[in-house]
Amino acid sequence: MRRFGAGMRAGELAVWAAHEQWRMEQLAYDIARGSATGAQCREAASVFEGIAERLRGYAAGLDGAEVVEGDADD
């Protein structure tokens, strides 16, 4: 069994990503309506960071590479 990004299996990652996509779509609608709150936007930013972290872990697992925190500009 292969695990990716924060110990998730590929199927778990797919389900999690679909759920987060739904949450982001709801935020997009709220932004368009002008009803998004600061707290909602901060939570979304945190979710985006989590998505990036898990996807980096997933990519590293596919490539057989090790995940390194930060980016090349750090």
Protein backbone atom coordinates (compact mmCIF):
# COMPACT_ATOMS: atom_id res chain seq x y z
CA MET A 1 0.00 0.00 0.00
CA ARG A 2 1.50 3.35 -1.05
CA ARG A 3 0.99 6.40 1.13
CA PHE A 4 1.33 9.99 -0.02
CA GLY A 5 1.19 13.43 1.56
CA ALA A 6 0.64 13.37 5.33
CA GLY A 7 0.37 9.57 5.31
CA MET A 8 -2.65 9.43 2.98
CA ARG A 9 -3.22 6.59 0.56
CA ALA A 10 -3.83 7.62 -3.05
CA GLY A 11 -7.60 6.98 -2.78
CA GLU A 12 -7.83 8.97 0.43
CA LEU A 13 -5.93 11.82 -1.20
CA ALA A 14 -8.34 11.81 -4.14
CA VAL A 15 -11.40 11.96 -1.87
CA TRP A 16 -9.82 14.69 0.25
CA ALA A 17 -8.91 16.73 -2.86
CA ALA A 18 -12.47 16.45 -4.20
CA HIS A 19 -13.86 17.66 -0.87
CA GLU A 20 -11.47 20.60 -0.77
CA GLN A 21 -12.40 21.47 -4.35
CA TRP A 22 -16.04 21.65 -3.27
CA ARG A 23 -15.10 23.95 -0.36
CA MET A 24 -13.12 26.21 -2.69
CA GLU A 25 -16.05 26.39 -5.12
CA GLN A 26 -18.34 27.46 -2.28
CA LEU A 27 -15.85 30.17 -1.34
CA ALA A 28 -15.67 31.33 -4.97
CA TYR A 29 -19.46 31.75 -5.00
CA ASP A 30 -19.34 33.66 -1.70
CA ILE A 31 -16.60 35.95 -3.05
CA ALA A 32 -18.61 36.62 -6.22
CA ARG A 33 -21.71 37.45 -4.14
CA GLY A 34 -19.69 39.67 -1.85
CA SER A 35 -20.59 37.56 1.16
CA ALA A 36 -17.18 35.98 1.90
CA THR A 37 -15.75 36.78 5.32
CA GLY A 38 -12.18 37.39 6.38
CA ALA A 39 -12.26 34.21 8.44
CA GLN A 40 -13.46 32.25 5.41
CA CYS A 41 -10.65 33.63 3.27
CA ARG A 42 -8.02 32.88 5.94
CA GLU A 43 -9.33 29.33 6.23
CA ALA A 44 -9.18 28.97 2.44
CA ALA A 45 -5.56 30.16 2.45
CA SER A 46 -4.76 27.50 5.04
CA VAL A 47 -6.53 24.88 2.92
CA PHE A 48 -4.50 25.91 -0.15
CA GLU A 49 -1.31 25.49 1.89
CA GLY A 50 -2.47 22.03 2.97
CA ILE A 51 -3.30 21.09 -0.61
CA ALA A 52 0.16 22.16 -1.74
CA GLU A 53 1.83 20.17 1.05
CA ARG A 54 -0.11 16.99 0.32
CA LEU A 55 0.41 17.29 -3.43
CA ARG A 56 4.16 17.75 -2.95
CA GLY A 57 4.18 14.59 -0.83
CA TYR A 58 2.17 12.74 -3.45
CA ALA A 59 4.48 13.89 -6.25
CA ALA A 60 7.53 12.88 -4.24
CA GLY A 61 6.05 9.43 -3.67
CA LEU A 62 5.40 9.04 -7.38
CA ASP A 63 8.93 10.15 -8.22
CA GLY A 64 10.55 8.23 -5.39
CA ALA A 65 11.97 11.53 -4.12
CA GLU A 66 12.11 13.02 -0.64
CA VAL A 67 9.90 15.99 0.25
CA VAL A 68 11.84 19.08 1.30
CA GLU A 69 10.04 21.83 3.23
CA GLY A 70 9.99 25.29 1.65
CA ASP A 71 10.84 26.19 -1.90
CA ALA A 72 13.88 27.13 -3.93
CA ASP A 73 13.59 30.79 -2.90
CA ASP A 74 13.94 30.06 0.85
